[in-house]
Amino acid sequence: MDLKEIQSLIKFVAKSGASEVKLEMEDVKITIKTGSEDKKGETTTYVQQIPVNQALPQQGAPAQPAAAPQAEAEKAPAAASSGEDDSKYITVKSPIIGTFYRKPSPDKPNFVEVGDSIGKGDVLCIIEAMKLFNEIESEVSGKIVKVLVDESSPVEFDQPLFLVDPS
């Protein structure tokens, strides 16, 4: 699905008055949510696009052990002094390039805090890309151990965002 098709779908959903639309195709899953009006009277639309064939490799334990030897070699002194081993944690990574936000709006609380228990499908943060606010949902259940990105910071594709303890 290309950008023009997605934009047309967003316009159609906005005109229809629907508050949420989910579309699943063989290679992509899109969720469009229309929110409340902002201070300027404009309606905020959230779009989440997940490439289905790439969703699993970005998350989970199989990707972690490949990076663990390098991370352990670089952090050996730090790990020894702090007594923690980050290899047992799952790294939640950014599926897109954009700006990282921990809360839905400036006057609302963060989606998650360090120590919070999360479930599969829970919203962890929002990444804004091209004026679209993409909710990033958890692919794993566990407990948030560390937030790796500062509020309103730019993030790259596949950049680590959170460390989650799956136990």
N, C-alpha and C. Protein backbone atom coordinates (compact mmCIF):
# COMPACT_ATOMS: atom_id res chain seq x y z
N MET A 1 0.86 -1.17 0.00
CA MET A 1 0.00 0.00 0.00
C MET A 1 0.90 1.24 0.00
N ASP A 2 0.70 2.13 -0.95
CA ASP A 2 1.56 3.31 -1.03
C ASP A 2 0.98 4.48 -0.25
N LEU A 3 1.74 5.57 -0.16
CA LEU A 3 1.36 6.73 0.64
C LEU A 3 0.06 7.37 0.16
N LYS A 4 -0.14 7.47 -1.15
CA LYS A 4 -1.37 8.10 -1.67
C LYS A 4 -2.60 7.29 -1.28
N GLU A 5 -2.49 5.96 -1.30
CA GLU A 5 -3.62 5.13 -0.91
C GLU A 5 -3.93 5.30 0.58
N ILE A 6 -2.88 5.41 1.39
CA ILE A 6 -3.08 5.62 2.83
C ILE A 6 -3.72 6.97 3.09
N GLN A 7 -3.25 8.01 2.39
CA GLN A 7 -3.83 9.34 2.56
C GLN A 7 -5.30 9.36 2.15
N SER A 8 -5.62 8.68 1.06
CA SER A 8 -7.02 8.60 0.62
C SER A 8 -7.87 7.89 1.66
N LEU A 9 -7.34 6.83 2.23
CA LEU A 9 -8.05 6.09 3.26
C LEU A 9 -8.29 6.96 4.49
N ILE A 10 -7.29 7.75 4.88
CA ILE A 10 -7.43 8.65 6.02
C ILE A 10 -8.54 9.67 5.77
N LYS A 11 -8.54 10.26 4.57
CA LYS A 11 -9.58 11.24 4.23
C LYS A 11 -10.96 10.60 4.26
N PHE A 12 -11.06 9.40 3.73
CA PHE A 12 -12.34 8.70 3.71
C PHE A 12 -12.84 8.44 5.12
N VAL A 13 -11.94 7.97 6.01
CA VAL A 13 -12.33 7.69 7.39
C VAL A 13 -12.75 8.97 8.10
N ALA A 14 -12.01 10.06 7.87
CA ALA A 14 -12.34 11.34 8.51
C ALA A 14 -13.72 11.83 8.07
N LYS A 15 -14.04 11.68 6.80
CA LYS A 15 -15.35 12.12 6.29
C LYS A 15 -16.48 11.22 6.77
N SER A 16 -16.19 9.94 6.97
CA SER A 16 -17.24 8.99 7.35
C SER A 16 -17.71 9.17 8.79
N GLY A 17 -16.86 9.77 9.63
CA GLY A 17 -17.23 9.97 11.02
C GLY A 17 -16.87 8.79 11.91
N ALA A 18 -16.26 7.76 11.36
CA ALA A 18 -15.85 6.61 12.15
C ALA A 18 -14.72 7.02 13.09
N SER A 19 -14.70 6.43 14.29
CA SER A 19 -13.65 6.79 15.24
C SER A 19 -12.42 5.89 15.11
N GLU A 20 -12.60 4.68 14.57
CA GLU A 20 -11.45 3.78 14.40
C GLU A 20 -11.74 2.81 13.27
N VAL A 21 -10.70 2.59 12.43
CA VAL A 21 -10.80 1.63 11.33
C VAL A 21 -9.52 0.80 11.33
N LYS A 22 -9.68 -0.53 11.25
CA LYS A 22 -8.53 -1.42 11.14
C LYS A 22 -8.60 -2.13 9.81
N LEU A 23 -7.47 -2.14 9.10
CA LEU A 23 -7.39 -2.78 7.78
C LEU A 23 -6.20 -3.72 7.79
N GLU A 24 -6.45 -5.00 7.48
CA GLU A 24 -5.37 -5.98 7.41
C GLU A 24 -5.33 -6.57 6.02
N MET A 25 -4.15 -6.51 5.41
CA MET A 25 -3.93 -7.12 4.11
C MET A 25 -2.80 -8.13 4.29
N GLU A 26 -2.43 -8.84 3.22
CA GLU A 26 -1.42 -9.89 3.38
C GLU A 26 -0.07 -9.36 3.85
N ASP A 27 0.32 -8.15 3.49
CA ASP A 27 1.65 -7.65 3.84
C ASP A 27 1.66 -6.46 4.78
N VAL A 28 0.49 -5.96 5.18
CA VAL A 28 0.48 -4.77 6.03
C VAL A 28 -0.80 -4.76 6.87
N LYS A 29 -0.68 -4.16 8.06
CA LYS A 29 -1.83 -3.97 8.94
C LYS A 29 -1.87 -2.48 9.29
N ILE A 30 -3.00 -1.82 9.07
CA ILE A 30 -3.14 -0.38 9.32
C ILE A 30 -4.30 -0.16 10.28
N THR A 31 -4.08 0.69 11.28
CA THR A 31 -5.13 1.12 12.19
C THR A 31 -5.21 2.63 12.12
N ILE A 32 -6.39 3.16 11.85
CA ILE A 32 -6.60 4.61 11.79
C ILE A 32 -7.59 4.98 12.88
N LYS A 33 -7.17 5.89 13.78
CA LYS A 33 -8.04 6.36 14.86
C LYS A 33 -8.18 7.86 14.73
N THR A 34 -9.39 8.35 14.76
CA THR A 34 -9.59 9.79 14.79
C THR A 34 -9.87 10.17 16.23
N GLY A 35 -9.23 11.24 16.66
CA GLY A 35 -9.34 11.64 18.05
C GLY A 35 -10.20 12.87 18.20
N SER A 36 -10.07 13.52 19.35
CA SER A 36 -10.83 14.72 19.64
C SER A 36 -10.19 15.92 18.95
N GLU A 37 -10.92 17.03 18.95
CA GLU A 37 -10.39 18.24 18.33
C GLU A 37 -9.33 18.87 19.22
N ASP A 38 -8.28 19.43 18.59
CA ASP A 38 -7.24 20.10 19.37
C ASP A 38 -7.61 21.56 19.58
N LYS A 39 -6.69 22.36 20.11
CA LYS A 39 -6.97 23.76 20.44
C LYS A 39 -7.33 24.59 19.21
N LYS A 40 -6.85 24.21 18.05
CA LYS A 40 -7.14 24.95 16.82
C LYS A 40 -8.44 24.48 16.17
N GLY A 41 -9.12 23.49 16.76
CA GLY A 41 -10.35 22.98 16.18
C GLY A 41 -10.12 21.91 15.12
N GLU A 42 -8.86 21.44 15.00
CA GLU A 42 -8.55 20.41 14.02
C GLU A 42 -8.62 19.04 14.69
N THR A 43 -9.09 18.05 13.94
CA THR A 43 -9.18 16.70 14.48
C THR A 43 -7.84 15.99 14.30
N THR A 44 -7.38 15.35 15.34
CA THR A 44 -6.12 14.61 15.30
C THR A 44 -6.40 13.20 14.82
N THR A 45 -5.59 12.72 13.90
CA THR A 45 -5.73 11.36 13.39
C THR A 45 -4.46 10.59 13.69
N TYR A 46 -4.63 9.40 14.27
CA TYR A 46 -3.51 8.52 14.57
C TYR A 46 -3.52 7.37 13.56
N VAL A 47 -2.39 7.10 12.96
CA VAL A 47 -2.27 6.00 12.01
C VAL A 47 -1.12 5.11 12.45
N GLN A 48 -1.40 3.83 12.49
CA GLN A 48 -0.35 2.87 12.81
C GLN A 48 -0.26 1.89 11.65
N GLN A 49 0.91 1.79 11.05
CA GLN A 49 1.14 0.87 9.94
C GLN A 49 2.23 -0.10 10.35
N ILE A 50 1.91 -1.39 10.33
CA ILE A 50 2.86 -2.42 10.72
C ILE A 50 3.06 -3.35 9.54
N PRO A 51 4.28 -3.43 8.99
CA PRO A 51 4.54 -4.45 7.96
C PRO A 51 4.50 -5.82 8.62
N VAL A 52 3.54 -6.64 8.24
CA VAL A 52 3.31 -7.92 8.89
C VAL A 52 4.53 -8.83 8.77
N ASN A 53 5.16 -8.88 7.60
CA ASN A 53 6.28 -9.79 7.42
C ASN A 53 7.53 -9.33 8.16
N GLN A 54 7.56 -8.10 8.68
CA GLN A 54 8.71 -7.61 9.41
C GLN A 54 8.43 -7.43 10.90
N ALA A 55 7.20 -7.63 11.35
CA ALA A 55 6.85 -7.35 12.74
C ALA A 55 7.58 -8.27 13.72
N LEU A 56 7.70 -9.55 13.43
CA LEU A 56 8.33 -10.46 14.37
C LEU A 56 9.83 -10.30 14.49
N PRO A 57 10.62 -10.15 13.39
CA PRO A 57 12.06 -10.04 13.56
C PRO A 57 12.51 -8.80 14.33
N GLN A 58 11.69 -7.75 14.37
CA GLN A 58 12.10 -6.53 15.06
C GLN A 58 12.07 -6.71 16.56
N GLN A 59 11.25 -7.64 17.05
CA GLN A 59 11.07 -7.81 18.48
C GLN A 59 11.54 -9.19 18.89
N GLY A 60 11.71 -9.38 20.19
CA GLY A 60 11.84 -10.71 20.73
C GLY A 60 13.26 -11.16 20.98
N ALA A 61 13.34 -12.34 21.56
CA ALA A 61 14.62 -12.90 21.99
C ALA A 61 15.54 -13.31 20.85
N PRO A 62 15.06 -13.82 19.69
CA PRO A 62 16.01 -14.23 18.66
C PRO A 62 16.94 -13.11 18.20
N ALA A 63 16.47 -11.88 18.15
CA ALA A 63 17.31 -10.77 17.70
C ALA A 63 18.31 -10.37 18.79
N GLN A 64 17.96 -10.57 20.04
CA GLN A 64 18.78 -10.12 21.15
C GLN A 64 20.12 -10.86 21.27
N PRO A 65 20.18 -12.21 21.19
CA PRO A 65 21.47 -12.86 21.39
C PRO A 65 22.52 -12.47 20.37
N ALA A 66 22.13 -12.13 19.16
CA ALA A 66 23.11 -11.73 18.15
C ALA A 66 23.82 -10.45 18.57
N ALA A 67 23.10 -9.53 19.22
CA ALA A 67 23.70 -8.27 19.65
C ALA A 67 24.35 -8.39 21.02
N ALA A 68 23.99 -9.40 21.79
CA ALA A 68 24.46 -9.52 23.16
C ALA A 68 25.98 -9.64 23.29
N PRO A 69 26.68 -10.48 22.48
CA PRO A 69 28.14 -10.56 22.67
C PRO A 69 28.84 -9.22 22.48
N GLN A 70 28.41 -8.46 21.48
CA GLN A 70 29.02 -7.15 21.24
C GLN A 70 28.71 -6.22 22.41
N ALA A 71 27.44 -6.22 22.85
CA ALA A 71 27.05 -5.35 23.95
C ALA A 71 27.79 -5.73 25.23
N GLU A 72 27.95 -7.04 25.48
CA GLU A 72 28.66 -7.47 26.67
C GLU A 72 30.13 -7.08 26.61
N ALA A 73 30.74 -7.16 25.42
CA ALA A 73 32.14 -6.80 25.28
C ALA A 73 32.35 -5.31 25.55
N GLU A 74 31.40 -4.49 25.08
CA GLU A 74 31.53 -3.05 25.27
C GLU A 74 31.21 -2.64 26.70
N LYS A 75 30.26 -3.35 27.35
CA LYS A 75 29.77 -2.94 28.66
C LYS A 75 30.26 -3.84 29.78
N ALA A 76 31.28 -4.64 29.54
CA ALA A 76 31.75 -5.59 30.55
C ALA A 76 32.08 -4.90 31.88
N PRO A 77 32.84 -3.79 31.88
CA PRO A 77 33.12 -3.15 33.16
C PRO A 77 31.86 -2.59 33.82
N ALA A 78 30.98 -2.01 33.04
CA ALA A 78 29.76 -1.43 33.60
C ALA A 78 28.85 -2.53 34.16
N ALA A 79 28.73 -3.63 33.45
CA ALA A 79 27.88 -4.73 33.90
C ALA A 79 28.43 -5.35 35.17
N ALA A 80 29.74 -5.46 35.25
CA ALA A 80 30.35 -6.05 36.44
C ALA A 80 30.13 -5.16 37.66
N SER A 81 30.21 -3.86 37.48
CA SER A 81 30.07 -2.95 38.61
C SER A 81 28.62 -2.81 39.04
N SER A 82 27.67 -2.82 38.10
CA SER A 82 26.27 -2.63 38.46
C SER A 82 25.59 -3.94 38.82
N GLY A 83 26.15 -5.08 38.38
CA GLY A 83 25.58 -6.37 38.71
C GLY A 83 24.38 -6.72 37.85
N GLU A 84 24.07 -5.95 36.82
CA GLU A 84 22.93 -6.21 35.94
C GLU A 84 23.41 -6.75 34.61
N ASP A 85 22.56 -7.61 34.01
CA ASP A 85 22.87 -8.18 32.71
C ASP A 85 21.70 -7.87 31.78
N ASP A 86 21.89 -6.92 30.85
CA ASP A 86 20.82 -6.49 29.96
C ASP A 86 20.43 -7.55 28.94
N SER A 87 21.20 -8.63 28.80
CA SER A 87 20.89 -9.63 27.79
C SER A 87 19.62 -10.41 28.11
N LYS A 88 19.19 -10.39 29.36
CA LYS A 88 17.95 -11.11 29.71
C LYS A 88 16.71 -10.28 29.37
N TYR A 89 16.88 -9.04 28.98
CA TYR A 89 15.76 -8.17 28.65
C TYR A 89 15.47 -8.17 27.16
N ILE A 90 14.22 -7.89 26.83
CA ILE A 90 13.81 -7.75 25.43
C ILE A 90 13.85 -6.26 25.09
N THR A 91 14.43 -5.94 23.96
CA THR A 91 14.52 -4.55 23.53
C THR A 91 13.36 -4.25 22.59
N VAL A 92 12.56 -3.24 22.94
CA VAL A 92 11.49 -2.76 22.05
C VAL A 92 12.11 -1.69 21.18
N LYS A 93 12.03 -1.89 19.86
CA LYS A 93 12.68 -0.98 18.92
C LYS A 93 11.66 -0.20 18.11
N SER A 94 12.09 0.93 17.58
CA SER A 94 11.23 1.79 16.77
C SER A 94 11.00 1.16 15.40
N PRO A 95 9.73 1.03 14.99
CA PRO A 95 9.44 0.49 13.66
C PRO A 95 9.54 1.53 12.56
N ILE A 96 9.66 2.81 12.94
CA ILE A 96 9.69 3.90 11.95
C ILE A 96 10.63 5.01 12.41
N ILE A 97 10.90 5.93 11.51
CA ILE A 97 11.66 7.14 11.81
C ILE A 97 10.66 8.22 12.22
N GLY A 98 11.00 9.00 13.24
CA GLY A 98 10.09 10.07 13.64
C GLY A 98 10.51 10.69 14.95
N THR A 99 9.55 11.32 15.63
CA THR A 99 9.79 11.97 16.92
C THR A 99 9.08 11.16 18.01
N PHE A 100 9.81 10.82 19.05
CA PHE A 100 9.35 9.96 20.14
C PHE A 100 8.60 10.77 21.19
N TYR A 101 7.39 10.32 21.55
CA TYR A 101 6.62 10.94 22.64
C TYR A 101 6.16 9.86 23.59
N ARG A 102 6.33 10.10 24.90
CA ARG A 102 5.92 9.12 25.92
C ARG A 102 4.47 9.30 26.34
N LYS A 103 3.83 10.41 25.97
CA LYS A 103 2.46 10.66 26.39
C LYS A 103 1.59 11.07 25.21
N PRO A 104 0.27 10.85 25.30
CA PRO A 104 -0.62 11.17 24.19
C PRO A 104 -0.76 12.67 23.91
N SER A 105 -0.58 13.49 24.94
CA SER A 105 -0.59 14.95 24.78
C SER A 105 0.16 15.54 25.97
N PRO A 106 0.59 16.81 25.86
CA PRO A 106 1.42 17.39 26.93
C PRO A 106 0.78 17.39 28.32
N ASP A 107 -0.55 17.45 28.39
CA ASP A 107 -1.22 17.50 29.69
C ASP A 107 -1.65 16.13 30.22
N LYS A 108 -1.29 15.07 29.54
CA LYS A 108 -1.66 13.70 29.95
C LYS A 108 -0.44 12.99 30.55
N PRO A 109 -0.68 11.95 31.35
CA PRO A 109 0.46 11.19 31.91
C PRO A 109 1.11 10.30 30.84
N ASN A 110 2.34 9.83 31.14
CA ASN A 110 3.05 8.94 30.23
C ASN A 110 2.27 7.65 30.05
N PHE A 111 2.41 7.03 28.86
CA PHE A 111 1.77 5.74 28.62
C PHE A 111 2.28 4.71 29.60
N VAL A 112 3.60 4.63 29.77
CA VAL A 112 4.22 3.67 30.69
C VAL A 112 5.37 4.33 31.45
N GLU A 113 5.62 3.82 32.64
CA GLU A 113 6.73 4.27 33.47
C GLU A 113 7.62 3.07 33.78
N VAL A 114 8.83 3.33 34.21
CA VAL A 114 9.73 2.25 34.63
C VAL A 114 9.07 1.53 35.80
N GLY A 115 9.02 0.20 35.71
CA GLY A 115 8.40 -0.61 36.75
C GLY A 115 6.98 -1.02 36.43
N ASP A 116 6.35 -0.42 35.41
CA ASP A 116 4.99 -0.78 35.02
C ASP A 116 4.97 -2.15 34.35
N SER A 117 3.92 -2.92 34.64
CA SER A 117 3.71 -4.18 33.94
C SER A 117 2.92 -3.89 32.67
N ILE A 118 3.35 -4.51 31.56
CA ILE A 118 2.67 -4.29 30.29
C ILE A 118 2.24 -5.63 29.71
N GLY A 119 1.24 -5.58 28.85
CA GLY A 119 0.77 -6.76 28.16
C GLY A 119 0.92 -6.57 26.66
N LYS A 120 0.76 -7.66 25.94
CA LYS A 120 0.84 -7.61 24.48
C LYS A 120 -0.27 -6.68 23.98
N GLY A 121 0.07 -5.73 23.13
CA GLY A 121 -0.90 -4.81 22.58
C GLY A 121 -1.05 -3.50 23.34
N ASP A 122 -0.42 -3.37 24.51
CA ASP A 122 -0.47 -2.11 25.26
C ASP A 122 0.33 -1.04 24.53
N VAL A 123 -0.19 0.19 24.51
CA VAL A 123 0.51 1.30 23.87
C VAL A 123 1.65 1.74 24.78
N LEU A 124 2.86 1.80 24.21
CA LEU A 124 4.05 2.19 24.97
C LEU A 124 4.41 3.66 24.75
N CYS A 125 4.21 4.15 23.52
CA CYS A 125 4.60 5.51 23.17
C CYS A 125 3.95 5.87 21.84
N ILE A 126 4.23 7.08 21.38
CA ILE A 126 3.79 7.54 20.07
C ILE A 126 5.03 8.02 19.32
N ILE A 127 5.08 7.70 18.04
CA ILE A 127 6.13 8.25 17.18
C ILE A 127 5.45 9.04 16.08
N GLU A 128 5.78 10.33 16.03
CA GLU A 128 5.20 11.22 15.02
C GLU A 128 6.08 11.18 13.78
N ALA A 129 5.43 10.91 12.65
CA ALA A 129 6.13 10.91 11.37
C ALA A 129 5.23 11.58 10.34
N MET A 130 5.71 12.64 9.76
CA MET A 130 4.97 13.37 8.73
C MET A 130 3.57 13.78 9.21
N LYS A 131 3.50 14.34 10.41
CA LYS A 131 2.28 14.84 11.04
C LYS A 131 1.26 13.74 11.35
N LEU A 132 1.70 12.49 11.31
CA LEU A 132 0.85 11.36 11.71
C LEU A 132 1.41 10.81 13.01
N PHE A 133 0.53 10.54 13.96
CA PHE A 133 0.92 10.06 15.27
C PHE A 133 0.70 8.55 15.31
N ASN A 134 1.78 7.79 15.34
CA ASN A 134 1.74 6.34 15.28
C ASN A 134 1.91 5.76 16.68
N GLU A 135 0.87 5.06 17.17
CA GLU A 135 0.96 4.42 18.47
C GLU A 135 1.83 3.17 18.33
N ILE A 136 2.79 3.04 19.20
CA ILE A 136 3.67 1.87 19.21
C ILE A 136 3.19 0.94 20.32
N GLU A 137 2.75 -0.24 19.90
CA GLU A 137 2.20 -1.21 20.84
C GLU A 137 3.25 -2.27 21.17
N SER A 138 3.13 -2.82 22.36
CA SER A 138 4.05 -3.85 22.80
C SER A 138 3.75 -5.17 22.11
N GLU A 139 4.80 -5.86 21.71
CA GLU A 139 4.69 -7.19 21.12
C GLU A 139 4.91 -8.27 22.18
N VAL A 140 5.28 -7.84 23.41
CA VAL A 140 5.58 -8.78 24.48
C VAL A 140 4.90 -8.34 25.78
N SER A 141 4.77 -9.27 26.70
CA SER A 141 4.30 -8.96 28.05
C SER A 141 5.51 -8.94 28.97
N GLY A 142 5.43 -8.12 30.00
CA GLY A 142 6.54 -8.05 30.94
C GLY A 142 6.49 -6.79 31.76
N LYS A 143 7.67 -6.34 32.20
CA LYS A 143 7.79 -5.16 33.05
C LYS A 143 8.81 -4.22 32.44
N ILE A 144 8.47 -2.93 32.35
CA ILE A 144 9.38 -1.92 31.81
C ILE A 144 10.56 -1.76 32.78
N VAL A 145 11.77 -1.98 32.25
CA VAL A 145 12.98 -1.87 33.06
C VAL A 145 13.65 -0.52 32.84
N LYS A 146 13.65 -0.06 31.59
CA LYS A 146 14.36 1.18 31.28
C LYS A 146 13.75 1.83 30.04
N VAL A 147 13.67 3.16 30.06
CA VAL A 147 13.27 3.94 28.89
C VAL A 147 14.57 4.48 28.30
N LEU A 148 14.83 4.17 27.03
CA LEU A 148 16.13 4.47 26.42
C LEU A 148 16.15 5.76 25.61
N VAL A 149 15.00 6.43 25.45
CA VAL A 149 14.91 7.64 24.62
C VAL A 149 14.26 8.75 25.43
N ASP A 150 14.74 9.97 25.25
CA ASP A 150 14.16 11.13 25.93
C ASP A 150 12.92 11.62 25.19
N GLU A 151 12.03 12.25 25.92
CA GLU A 151 10.81 12.83 25.36
C GLU A 151 11.14 13.82 24.24
N SER A 152 10.36 13.77 23.17
CA SER A 152 10.48 14.67 22.00
C SER A 152 11.80 14.52 21.25
N SER A 153 12.45 13.38 21.40
CA SER A 153 13.71 13.14 20.69
C SER A 153 13.45 12.48 19.34
N PRO A 154 14.27 12.79 18.35
CA PRO A 154 14.14 12.08 17.07
C PRO A 154 14.65 10.64 17.24
N VAL A 155 13.95 9.69 16.59
CA VAL A 155 14.38 8.30 16.63
C VAL A 155 14.53 7.77 15.21
N GLU A 156 15.41 6.81 15.06
CA GLU A 156 15.67 6.16 13.78
C GLU A 156 14.95 4.82 13.73
N PHE A 157 14.83 4.27 12.54
CA PHE A 157 14.29 2.93 12.37
C PHE A 157 15.15 1.94 13.14
N ASP A 158 14.52 1.05 13.88
CA ASP A 158 15.19 -0.02 14.62
C ASP A 158 16.00 0.49 15.82
N GLN A 159 15.80 1.73 16.23
CA GLN A 159 16.49 2.26 17.41
C GLN A 159 15.81 1.72 18.66
N PRO A 160 16.58 1.24 19.65
CA PRO A 160 15.99 0.75 20.90
C PRO A 160 15.26 1.86 21.64
N LEU A 161 14.03 1.54 22.11
CA LEU A 161 13.21 2.52 22.83
C LEU A 161 13.05 2.14 24.31
N PHE A 162 12.79 0.87 24.57
CA PHE A 162 12.53 0.38 25.93
C PHE A 162 13.24 -0.95 26.15
N LEU A 163 13.58 -1.23 27.42
CA LEU A 163 14.00 -2.56 27.82
C LEU A 163 12.87 -3.16 28.65
N VAL A 164 12.47 -4.39 28.30
CA VAL A 164 11.36 -5.06 28.98
C VAL A 164 11.86 -6.38 29.57
N ASP A 165 11.52 -6.61 30.84
CA ASP A 165 11.84 -7.88 31.48
C ASP A 165 10.65 -8.82 31.26
N PRO A 166 10.82 -9.87 30.46
CA PRO A 166 9.70 -10.75 30.14
C PRO A 166 9.30 -11.69 31.28
N SER A 167 10.11 -11.81 32.32
CA SER A 167 9.80 -12.78 33.41
C SER A 167 8.75 -12.26 34.35
